Amino acid sequence: MIDNFIEKDILRRIKITYVLYECRQIKIGELAANMNTSFNTIKKDCQKIATKLEEEIISYSISRSQLAFQFKPDVSCYELVRKLYSDSLFLKVCYRCLLGNNNYTSIAEEEFISVTKVFNLKKKADRYFRQGLGINANGEIAFENKLKVRYIYLALWMRGIGIDELKNEPLFLKSEQMARDLGDCLKNQFSKKSLHYLHYAIFLSLSRDEQLPIDTETIAFLKTGIVFNSIKACFSQHGLEGEDENIAFISFIYKNLPYNPENYRLIEGDYQYYRKRLIKNYPSVVALIRSFEAAFEMNLLGEMEFEKPLMDLVYTTTLGINEFLLNQYYFIDCNDHYMKEKISTIIRSWLRENISADITLSESIILKFCHLVMPILKKGEKKKIPIVIVSKDEYSHMLFRNNISKIISEKYFFINDEIYYSIEDIPKLFFYIDCFIVCERCLLNQEKNFILPISINHLTNDLKDISNYIFTCVLTKQ
């Protein structure tokens, strides 16, 4: 949201820096088309980037058609864009207004700009506050919404605005140590960006004694989770009594951070844990996934690489955090814009119908989600065909399932998880869609072409027949 107000030239250089950091080299024309700007503007911006980030660049070249930048290996992209954000007068004026310093003359003197310039920036800052905080009953900016005010502090601090004034405060230093301890406790290898987010969130909770508008139902839900209780324990270890609202606030921020554990199994465990909790709290998420399946003709329910970014998007958007975060700009090929619009329409429609018609999603949030899920959606795979097994008992089901799984391709088929003990138990749906039914012979009353018999005594031959039949049907349809 805040990026809609930042000076266009600064924001454009930030976007270019993100692309250069990821790609190292890129064609100027391609970048200009993607950013809807001119060829010469891109070249001028790159010259200014090279000057501003001189200490962080090993080498760079700006030719007639191509850009190539090599940054120092120990410098993160976040550090680069944070330095670029520091040139924004809009952000500086926002911060001064947030602190209550509305004196035009003092701002003009301290920032070396005219009073007229300050006046225009102040008007823009007011528009941002109105959009971010809303309006109270008196028609004034709702600065009394302390939760959203904290989000705005985070938005500014994460861009490096106002941090120098806090560096020597004891609570600021204590907050950093607590953030590191929490990362150790939760096995999270924080990036510099993530550590800053958590550090600043903890500092806000330690330094501000205020009521936060977080409902008791949300707090009760968070209390049943690992993150909330780990933060609570971290406070206790440092001799602090964290109030539930402050712990909940830190939990909101932490859950938005990437989980960077030391073992991949922890990622899978974390995904399954939060998946169950999110679907329990927001059952309509399943309908959202089904909408994507219908739009892209793919099986996506249960696919971790799709569900994880989707769950993160839903979580942060429904809690109202997304629009206040520092989101990276992602480069989307011009040929993929139709897909971006398709994805955006599905998400916005679901938000309107299930959460709130007032929720907005900025371009950067949509681009981030598209960047993460497009590699999956662009595969263009058709829906996998289900295989239903009917068996007399659990042992037979296990035996048939394990053997059938060895002869089919997971790319085209999946075995239904439900166990059926008679033909009558199968939902009628399966008789009207593309699927294969494998039934134990002793349960078959009569031979049917679309029901494939199987038995333990003839397992090897039955598997051959099933394999031949299934792949013959698939090849015939193709």
Protein backbone atom coordinates (compact mmCIF):
# COMPACT_ATOMS: atom_id res chain seq x y z
CA MET A 1 0.00 0.00 0.00
CA ILE A 2 2.73 2.47 0.97
CA ASP A 3 4.48 1.87 -2.35
CA ASN A 4 1.51 3.55 -4.08
CA PHE A 5 2.62 6.84 -2.45
CA ILE A 6 6.41 6.67 -2.58
CA GLU A 7 8.11 8.81 -5.25
CA LYS A 8 7.81 7.02 -8.60
CA ASP A 9 11.47 7.40 -9.55
CA ILE A 10 12.65 5.89 -6.24
CA LEU A 11 10.19 3.02 -6.46
CA ARG A 12 11.21 2.35 -10.06
CA ARG A 13 14.90 2.09 -9.05
CA ILE A 14 13.96 -0.25 -6.23
CA LYS A 15 12.08 -2.52 -8.66
CA ILE A 16 15.02 -2.47 -11.07
CA THR A 17 17.40 -3.39 -8.24
CA TYR A 18 15.26 -6.39 -7.29
CA VAL A 19 15.37 -7.61 -10.89
CA LEU A 20 19.13 -7.01 -11.27
CA TYR A 21 19.84 -8.78 -7.98
CA GLU A 22 17.91 -11.86 -9.12
CA CYS A 23 18.86 -11.92 -12.80
CA ARG A 24 22.35 -10.31 -12.72
CA GLN A 25 21.84 -9.32 -16.35
CA ILE A 26 18.77 -8.48 -18.41
CA LYS A 27 17.77 -6.84 -21.67
CA ILE A 28 16.82 -3.19 -21.24
CA GLY A 29 13.91 -3.45 -23.65
CA GLU A 30 12.42 -6.39 -21.77
CA LEU A 31 12.68 -4.58 -18.43
CA ALA A 32 11.24 -1.36 -19.90
CA ALA A 33 8.25 -3.23 -21.33
CA ASN A 34 7.63 -5.04 -18.05
CA MET A 35 7.75 -1.80 -16.06
CA ASN A 36 5.80 0.19 -18.64
CA THR A 37 8.46 2.86 -19.00
CA SER A 38 10.93 4.04 -21.63
CA PHE A 39 14.26 2.58 -22.68
CA ASN A 40 16.16 5.75 -21.73
CA THR A 41 14.47 6.01 -18.32
CA ILE A 42 15.73 2.54 -17.41
CA LYS A 43 19.28 3.48 -18.42
CA LYS A 44 19.19 6.72 -16.40
CA ASP A 45 17.80 4.89 -13.37
CA CYS A 46 20.59 2.33 -13.58
CA GLN A 47 23.21 5.07 -13.61
CA LYS A 48 21.71 6.47 -10.41
CA ILE A 49 21.53 2.98 -8.86
CA ALA A 50 25.21 2.47 -9.65
CA THR A 51 26.06 5.76 -7.94
CA LYS A 52 23.89 5.20 -4.87
CA LEU A 53 25.00 1.59 -4.35
CA GLU A 54 28.63 2.09 -5.36
CA GLU A 55 29.98 0.48 -2.19
CA GLU A 56 27.86 -2.66 -2.67
CA ILE A 57 28.68 -3.24 -6.37
CA ILE A 58 31.67 -5.22 -7.64
CA SER A 59 31.10 -4.32 -11.28
CA TYR A 60 28.38 -3.24 -13.67
CA SER A 61 27.85 -2.48 -17.34
CA ILE A 62 25.14 -0.56 -19.17
CA SER A 63 25.36 -1.26 -22.89
CA ARG A 64 23.04 -0.25 -25.70
CA SER A 65 20.68 -3.15 -25.10
CA GLN A 66 21.65 -4.92 -21.88
CA LEU A 67 22.27 -4.35 -18.17
CA ALA A 68 24.66 -6.39 -16.04
CA PHE A 69 25.26 -5.81 -12.33
CA GLN A 70 27.37 -7.89 -9.96
CA PHE A 71 26.77 -7.15 -6.29
CA LYS A 72 29.03 -8.13 -3.40
CA PRO A 73 28.17 -11.68 -2.27
CA ASP A 74 27.72 -10.74 1.40
CA VAL A 75 25.14 -8.02 0.62
CA SER A 76 21.45 -8.97 0.68
CA CYS A 77 18.90 -7.49 -1.70
CA TYR A 78 17.06 -6.10 1.31
CA GLU A 79 20.11 -4.05 2.30
CA LEU A 80 20.32 -2.61 -1.21
CA VAL A 81 16.68 -1.50 -1.47
CA ARG A 82 16.70 -0.21 2.12
CA LYS A 83 19.49 2.15 1.08
CA LEU A 84 17.45 3.33 -1.91
CA TYR A 85 14.36 3.92 0.23
CA SER A 86 16.40 6.27 2.42
CA ASP A 87 16.15 8.93 -0.34
CA SER A 88 12.36 9.12 -0.03
CA LEU A 89 11.21 12.46 1.37
CA PHE A 90 7.67 11.11 1.49
CA LEU A 91 8.72 8.37 3.95
CA LYS A 92 10.62 10.85 6.10
CA VAL A 93 7.65 13.23 6.29
CA CYS A 94 5.34 10.28 7.09
CA TYR A 95 7.55 9.31 10.01
CA ARG A 96 7.68 12.85 11.40
CA CYS A 97 3.89 13.13 11.18
CA LEU A 98 3.51 9.75 12.90
CA LEU A 99 5.65 11.07 15.76
CA GLY A 100 3.44 14.17 15.97
CA ASN A 101 5.93 16.57 14.39
CA ASN A 102 3.65 18.51 12.03
CA ASN A 103 5.63 21.75 12.00
CA TYR A 104 6.16 22.61 8.33
CA THR A 105 9.09 24.95 8.98
CA SER A 106 11.10 22.52 11.13
CA ILE A 107 10.60 19.71 8.59
CA ALA A 108 11.68 22.04 5.76
CA GLU A 109 14.84 23.06 7.64
CA GLU A 110 15.80 19.53 8.67
CA GLU A 111 15.22 17.99 5.22
CA PHE A 112 16.56 21.01 3.25
CA ILE A 113 13.39 21.42 1.18
CA SER A 114 10.88 24.25 0.67
CA VAL A 115 7.81 24.72 2.86
CA THR A 116 5.67 24.27 -0.26
CA LYS A 117 7.29 20.88 -0.85
CA VAL A 118 6.62 19.91 2.78
CA PHE A 119 2.98 21.00 2.40
CA ASN A 120 2.50 18.73 -0.64
CA LEU A 121 4.26 15.79 1.04
CA LYS A 122 2.14 16.27 4.17
CA LYS A 123 -1.04 16.11 2.06
CA LYS A 124 0.21 12.89 0.47
CA ALA A 125 1.08 11.47 3.91
CA ASP A 126 -2.45 12.26 5.12
CA ARG A 127 -3.90 10.37 2.16
CA TYR A 128 -1.73 7.38 3.03
CA PHE A 129 -2.77 7.48 6.69
CA ARG A 130 -6.44 7.73 5.71
CA GLN A 131 -6.09 4.70 3.47
CA GLY A 132 -4.02 2.69 5.94
CA LEU A 133 -5.73 3.58 9.21
CA GLY A 134 -9.21 4.51 8.09
CA ILE A 135 -11.46 7.27 9.38
CA ASN A 136 -13.04 7.47 12.85
CA ALA A 137 -16.55 8.63 13.77
CA ASN A 138 -15.43 12.26 13.71
CA GLY A 139 -14.16 12.00 10.14
CA GLU A 140 -10.54 12.17 11.27
CA ILE A 141 -7.66 9.76 10.65
CA ALA A 142 -8.06 6.83 13.07
CA PHE A 143 -4.72 7.06 14.87
CA GLU A 144 -6.46 5.38 17.82
CA ASN A 145 -6.23 2.05 15.96
CA LYS A 146 -2.97 1.12 17.67
CA LEU A 147 -2.55 -2.17 15.83
CA LYS A 148 -2.50 -0.55 12.40
CA VAL A 149 -0.32 2.29 13.73
CA ARG A 150 2.22 -0.38 14.68
CA TYR A 151 2.05 -1.79 11.17
CA ILE A 152 2.85 1.65 9.78
CA TYR A 153 5.84 1.95 12.12
CA LEU A 154 7.04 -1.40 10.78
CA ALA A 155 6.49 -0.25 7.18
CA LEU A 156 8.71 2.78 7.80
CA TRP A 157 11.35 1.13 9.98
CA MET A 158 11.76 -1.74 7.52
CA ARG A 159 12.66 0.87 4.92
CA GLY A 160 15.30 2.28 7.24
CA ILE A 161 13.35 5.41 8.23
CA GLY A 162 13.79 6.50 11.87
CA ILE A 163 15.96 3.58 12.94
CA ASP A 164 19.10 5.63 13.68
CA GLU A 165 17.22 7.40 16.48
CA LEU A 166 16.49 4.07 18.23
CA LYS A 167 19.82 2.25 18.04
CA ASN A 168 21.06 3.24 21.52
CA GLU A 169 17.83 2.55 23.39
CA PRO A 170 18.22 -0.38 25.87
CA LEU A 171 14.87 -1.93 24.91
CA PHE A 172 15.83 -1.78 21.24
CA LEU A 173 18.99 -3.79 21.94
CA LYS A 174 17.10 -6.22 24.18
CA SER A 175 14.49 -6.76 21.47
CA GLU A 176 17.17 -7.82 18.99
CA GLN A 177 18.52 -10.44 21.38
CA MET A 178 15.01 -11.75 22.02
CA ALA A 179 14.43 -12.04 18.25
CA ARG A 180 17.60 -14.09 17.90
CA ASP A 181 16.63 -16.31 20.85
CA LEU A 182 13.20 -16.91 19.36
CA GLY A 183 14.77 -17.92 16.05
CA ASP A 184 16.94 -20.46 17.90
CA CYS A 185 13.92 -21.77 19.80
CA LEU A 186 11.84 -22.26 16.63
CA LYS A 187 14.80 -23.54 14.55
CA ASN A 188 14.51 -20.63 12.12
CA GLN A 189 17.61 -19.42 10.28
CA PHE A 190 16.48 -15.80 9.93
CA SER A 191 17.53 -13.67 7.00
CA LYS A 192 18.52 -10.08 7.83
CA LYS A 193 15.14 -8.88 6.62
CA SER A 194 13.21 -11.37 8.77
CA LEU A 195 15.34 -10.63 11.82
CA HIS A 196 14.62 -6.91 11.43
CA TYR A 197 10.88 -7.54 11.20
CA LEU A 198 10.79 -9.63 14.35
CA HIS A 199 13.20 -7.31 16.17
CA TYR A 200 11.03 -4.25 15.46
CA ALA A 201 7.79 -6.09 16.32
CA ILE A 202 9.18 -7.14 19.71
CA PHE A 203 10.46 -3.61 20.35
CA LEU A 204 6.97 -2.19 19.66
CA SER A 205 5.51 -4.66 22.14
CA LEU A 206 8.08 -3.83 24.83
CA SER A 207 8.03 -0.06 24.42
CA ARG A 208 4.30 0.61 24.07
CA ASP A 209 1.67 0.20 26.76
CA GLU A 210 -1.56 0.28 24.76
CA GLN A 211 -4.69 -1.69 23.97
CA LEU A 212 -4.65 -3.52 20.65
CA PRO A 213 -7.89 -4.30 18.79
CA ILE A 214 -7.31 -8.06 18.57
CA ASP A 215 -10.45 -10.09 19.29
CA THR A 216 -10.48 -12.79 21.97
CA GLU A 217 -11.38 -15.48 19.44
CA THR A 218 -8.19 -14.82 17.46
CA ILE A 219 -6.08 -14.81 20.62
CA ALA A 220 -7.69 -18.08 21.76
CA PHE A 221 -6.86 -19.62 18.38
CA LEU A 222 -3.24 -18.40 18.54
CA LYS A 223 -2.83 -19.75 22.08
CA THR A 224 -3.27 -23.29 20.79
CA GLY A 225 -0.28 -22.87 18.46
CA ILE A 226 3.48 -23.35 18.79
CA VAL A 227 4.49 -19.80 17.83
CA PHE A 228 2.39 -17.99 20.44
CA ASN A 229 3.61 -20.22 23.25
CA SER A 230 7.24 -20.03 22.11
CA ILE A 231 7.09 -16.21 22.14
CA LYS A 232 5.49 -16.34 25.60
CA ALA A 233 8.32 -18.60 26.83
CA CYS A 234 10.92 -16.27 25.30
CA PHE A 235 9.46 -13.33 27.23
CA SER A 236 9.61 -15.35 30.45
CA GLN A 237 13.25 -16.31 29.85
CA HIS A 238 14.08 -12.61 29.66
CA GLY A 239 12.18 -11.86 32.85
CA LEU A 240 9.25 -10.21 31.06
CA GLU A 241 5.51 -10.74 31.38
CA GLY A 242 4.10 -10.49 27.86
CA GLU A 243 0.43 -9.61 27.59
CA ASP A 244 -1.64 -11.80 25.28
CA GLU A 245 -2.34 -8.95 22.84
CA ASN A 246 1.35 -8.16 22.44
CA ILE A 247 2.23 -11.83 22.03
CA ALA A 248 -0.52 -12.11 19.41
CA PHE A 249 0.88 -9.10 17.54
CA ILE A 250 4.36 -10.66 17.41
CA SER A 251 2.75 -13.95 16.30
CA PHE A 252 1.09 -12.16 13.35
CA ILE A 253 4.46 -10.84 12.22
CA TYR A 254 6.37 -14.07 12.82
CA LYS A 255 3.92 -16.19 10.82
CA ASN A 256 4.50 -13.96 7.80
CA LEU A 257 8.26 -14.59 7.89
CA PRO A 258 9.82 -17.39 5.82
CA TYR A 259 10.48 -20.54 7.82
CA ASN A 260 14.15 -21.34 7.21
CA PRO A 261 14.88 -24.45 9.31
CA GLU A 262 17.97 -26.63 9.21
CA ASN A 263 16.08 -29.71 8.00
CA TYR A 264 13.56 -30.16 5.16
CA ARG A 265 11.38 -32.43 7.29
CA LEU A 266 10.71 -29.45 9.55
CA ILE A 267 9.35 -27.52 6.54
CA GLU A 268 6.97 -30.37 5.74
CA GLY A 269 5.91 -30.66 9.37
CA ASP A 270 5.34 -26.91 9.63
CA TYR A 271 3.27 -26.94 6.44
CA GLN A 272 1.05 -29.81 7.59
CA TYR A 273 0.60 -28.25 11.03
CA TYR A 274 -0.49 -24.83 9.73
CA ARG A 275 -2.53 -26.37 6.92
CA LYS A 276 -4.78 -28.18 9.41
CA ARG A 277 -5.11 -25.07 11.56
CA LEU A 278 -5.87 -22.73 8.66
CA ILE A 279 -8.43 -25.00 7.00
CA LYS A 280 -10.11 -25.51 10.38
CA ASN A 281 -10.30 -21.74 10.90
CA TYR A 282 -11.06 -20.87 7.25
CA PRO A 283 -12.85 -23.90 5.68
CA SER A 284 -13.55 -21.85 2.55
CA VAL A 285 -9.83 -22.09 1.68
CA VAL A 286 -10.62 -25.52 0.20
CA ALA A 287 -13.16 -23.86 -2.11
CA LEU A 288 -10.48 -21.35 -3.14
CA ILE A 289 -8.12 -24.20 -4.07
CA ARG A 290 -10.93 -25.89 -6.00
CA SER A 291 -11.44 -22.65 -7.95
CA PHE A 292 -7.80 -22.74 -9.01
CA GLU A 293 -8.14 -26.41 -9.96
CA ALA A 294 -11.14 -25.64 -12.17
CA ALA A 295 -9.45 -22.62 -13.78
CA PHE A 296 -6.17 -24.40 -14.55
CA GLU A 297 -7.43 -28.00 -14.89
CA MET A 298 -5.02 -29.35 -12.31
CA ASN A 299 -5.08 -31.22 -9.01
CA LEU A 300 -3.79 -28.72 -6.44
CA LEU A 301 -5.43 -29.74 -3.16
CA GLY A 302 -2.70 -31.21 -0.99
CA GLU A 303 0.10 -29.97 -3.28
CA MET A 304 2.56 -28.37 -0.86
CA GLU A 305 4.32 -26.11 -3.38
CA PHE A 306 0.98 -24.51 -4.28
CA GLU A 307 -0.80 -24.59 -0.93
CA LYS A 308 2.02 -23.09 1.14
CA PRO A 309 2.22 -19.72 -0.70
CA LEU A 310 -1.58 -19.67 -0.92
CA MET A 311 -1.94 -20.23 2.84
CA ASP A 312 0.60 -17.50 3.57
CA LEU A 313 -1.33 -15.13 1.31
CA VAL A 314 -4.66 -15.95 2.96
CA TYR A 315 -3.22 -15.67 6.48
CA THR A 316 -1.57 -12.29 6.06
CA THR A 317 -4.39 -10.82 3.96
CA THR A 318 -7.21 -11.83 6.32
CA LEU A 319 -5.29 -10.39 9.27
CA GLY A 320 -4.73 -7.12 7.40
CA ILE A 321 -0.93 -7.36 7.48
CA ASN A 322 -0.06 -7.73 3.81
CA GLU A 323 -0.50 -4.11 2.79
CA PHE A 324 1.93 -2.89 5.45
CA LEU A 325 4.79 -5.26 4.69
CA LEU A 326 7.90 -4.67 2.64
CA ASN A 327 7.18 -6.93 -0.32
CA GLN A 328 9.80 -7.71 -2.89
CA TYR A 329 9.07 -6.74 -6.48
CA TYR A 330 8.93 -9.82 -8.72
CA PHE A 331 9.57 -9.82 -12.44
CA ILE A 332 6.69 -11.31 -14.41
CA ASP A 333 7.21 -11.90 -18.12
CA CYS A 334 4.93 -9.80 -20.30
CA ASN A 335 3.58 -12.99 -21.89
CA ASP A 336 2.34 -14.13 -18.47
CA HIS A 337 0.22 -11.07 -17.70
CA TYR A 338 -2.96 -12.90 -18.78
CA MET A 339 -2.20 -15.58 -16.19
CA LYS A 340 -1.56 -12.95 -13.52
CA GLU A 341 -4.98 -11.42 -14.19
CA LYS A 342 -6.58 -14.85 -14.02
CA ILE A 343 -4.96 -15.57 -10.64
CA SER A 344 -5.84 -12.11 -9.34
CA THR A 345 -9.51 -12.50 -10.31
CA ILE A 346 -9.82 -15.83 -8.45
CA ILE A 347 -8.26 -14.48 -5.25
CA ARG A 348 -10.16 -11.17 -5.22
CA SER A 349 -13.46 -12.94 -5.85
CA TRP A 350 -12.84 -15.35 -2.95
CA LEU A 351 -11.90 -12.49 -0.61
CA ARG A 352 -15.08 -10.58 -1.46
CA GLU A 353 -17.32 -13.60 -0.95
CA ASN A 354 -15.70 -15.13 2.13
CA ILE A 355 -13.75 -12.47 4.04
CA SER A 356 -14.60 -8.86 3.21
CA ALA A 357 -15.44 -6.73 0.21
CA ASP A 358 -13.20 -3.99 1.63
CA ILE A 359 -9.94 -5.96 1.49
CA THR A 360 -7.55 -4.74 -1.19
CA LEU A 361 -4.51 -6.42 -2.65
CA SER A 362 -1.67 -4.34 -4.03
CA GLU A 363 0.16 -5.20 -7.22
CA SER A 364 3.28 -6.30 -5.33
CA ILE A 365 1.33 -8.89 -3.31
CA ILE A 366 -0.25 -10.39 -6.42
CA LEU A 367 3.10 -10.43 -8.23
CA LYS A 368 4.75 -12.20 -5.31
CA PHE A 369 2.10 -14.93 -5.25
CA CYS A 370 2.22 -15.31 -9.04
CA HIS A 371 6.01 -15.62 -8.94
CA LEU A 372 5.73 -18.51 -6.48
CA VAL A 373 2.88 -20.49 -8.07
CA MET A 374 3.30 -19.83 -11.80
CA PRO A 375 5.92 -22.59 -12.26
CA ILE A 376 3.28 -25.04 -11.04
CA LEU A 377 0.30 -23.58 -12.89
CA LYS A 378 2.20 -23.19 -16.16
CA LYS A 379 2.82 -26.92 -16.40
CA GLY A 380 -0.67 -27.18 -17.81
CA GLU A 381 -1.19 -30.67 -16.43
CA LYS A 382 -4.68 -32.06 -16.68
CA LYS A 383 -6.41 -33.30 -13.57
CA LYS A 384 -5.10 -36.61 -12.33
CA ILE A 385 -7.46 -39.55 -12.74
CA PRO A 386 -8.58 -41.18 -9.47
CA ILE A 387 -8.34 -44.91 -8.86
CA VAL A 388 -10.90 -46.25 -6.37
CA ILE A 389 -10.22 -49.51 -4.53
CA VAL A 390 -12.95 -51.76 -3.14
CA SER A 391 -11.66 -54.49 -0.79
CA LYS A 392 -13.05 -56.84 1.83
CA ASP A 393 -10.74 -55.64 4.61
CA GLU A 394 -7.92 -53.22 5.44
CA TYR A 395 -5.18 -55.76 4.72
CA SER A 396 -6.45 -56.37 1.18
CA HIS A 397 -6.75 -52.62 0.62
CA MET A 398 -3.16 -52.07 1.79
CA LEU A 399 -1.84 -54.87 -0.41
CA PHE A 400 -3.71 -53.75 -3.52
CA ARG A 401 -2.92 -50.09 -2.94
CA ASN A 402 0.83 -50.61 -2.55
CA ASN A 403 1.06 -52.81 -5.63
CA ILE A 404 -1.10 -50.61 -7.85
CA SER A 405 0.94 -47.55 -6.84
CA LYS A 406 4.01 -49.28 -8.32
CA ILE A 407 2.50 -49.68 -11.78
CA ILE A 408 0.91 -46.23 -12.23
CA SER A 409 2.42 -42.82 -12.85
CA GLU A 410 1.77 -40.29 -10.10
CA LYS A 411 1.82 -37.65 -12.81
CA TYR A 412 -1.47 -38.94 -14.27
CA PHE A 413 -3.19 -40.95 -11.53
CA PHE A 414 -3.79 -40.97 -7.80
CA ILE A 415 -5.32 -43.60 -5.54
CA ASN A 416 -8.33 -42.38 -3.59
CA ASP A 417 -7.73 -42.31 0.18
CA GLU A 418 -11.21 -43.51 1.20
CA ILE A 419 -11.61 -47.24 1.83
CA TYR A 420 -14.73 -48.89 0.42
CA TYR A 421 -15.83 -52.38 1.45
CA SER A 422 -18.54 -52.88 -1.18
CA ILE A 423 -19.53 -51.51 -4.58
CA GLU A 424 -22.60 -49.93 -2.95
CA ASP A 425 -20.36 -47.84 -0.67
CA ILE A 426 -18.83 -45.95 -3.60
CA PRO A 427 -20.33 -42.43 -4.00
CA LYS A 428 -22.36 -42.09 -7.22
CA LEU A 429 -20.06 -39.27 -8.29
CA PHE A 430 -17.38 -41.79 -9.29
CA PHE A 431 -19.72 -43.41 -11.83
CA TYR A 432 -20.07 -40.13 -13.74
CA ILE A 433 -16.47 -38.93 -13.94
CA ASP A 434 -13.25 -40.24 -15.44
CA CYS A 435 -11.93 -42.76 -12.94
CA PHE A 436 -10.99 -46.42 -12.54
CA ILE A 437 -12.60 -48.75 -9.99
CA VAL A 438 -10.58 -51.75 -8.84
CA CYS A 439 -12.67 -54.25 -6.90
CA GLU A 440 -11.74 -57.45 -5.09
CA ARG A 441 -13.21 -60.40 -7.01
CA CYS A 442 -15.15 -61.84 -4.12
CA LEU A 443 -17.12 -58.57 -3.87
CA LEU A 444 -18.13 -58.48 -7.55
CA ASN A 445 -21.71 -59.60 -8.17
CA GLN A 446 -21.29 -59.38 -11.93
CA GLU A 447 -18.60 -58.48 -14.41
CA LYS A 448 -18.66 -54.83 -15.54
CA ASN A 449 -16.34 -53.32 -18.11
CA PHE A 450 -15.47 -50.26 -16.04
CA ILE A 451 -14.79 -52.25 -12.83
CA LEU A 452 -11.44 -54.03 -12.80
CA PRO A 453 -11.25 -57.25 -10.78
CA ILE A 454 -8.35 -58.12 -8.51
CA SER A 455 -7.56 -60.86 -6.00
CA ILE A 456 -4.67 -61.93 -3.84
CA ASN A 457 -4.33 -65.34 -5.53
CA HIS A 458 -4.05 -63.84 -9.03
CA LEU A 459 -2.33 -60.60 -8.05
CA THR A 460 0.47 -60.63 -10.63
CA ASN A 461 -1.78 -61.33 -13.63
CA ASP A 462 -4.47 -58.96 -12.37
CA LEU A 463 -1.95 -56.13 -12.06
CA LYS A 464 -0.84 -56.72 -15.65
CA ASP A 465 -4.44 -56.61 -16.87
CA ILE A 466 -5.17 -53.46 -14.82
CA SER A 467 -2.02 -51.76 -16.12
CA ASN A 468 -2.79 -52.62 -19.74
CA TYR A 469 -6.43 -51.53 -19.46
CA ILE A 470 -5.68 -48.22 -17.74
CA PHE A 471 -2.96 -47.13 -20.13
CA THR A 472 -4.91 -48.31 -23.18
CA CYS A 473 -7.83 -46.09 -22.08
CA VAL A 474 -5.53 -43.12 -21.46
CA LEU A 475 -3.71 -43.46 -24.79
CA THR A 476 -7.00 -43.89 -26.68
CA LYS A 477 -8.36 -40.64 -25.19
CA GLN A 478 -5.18 -38.75 -26.03
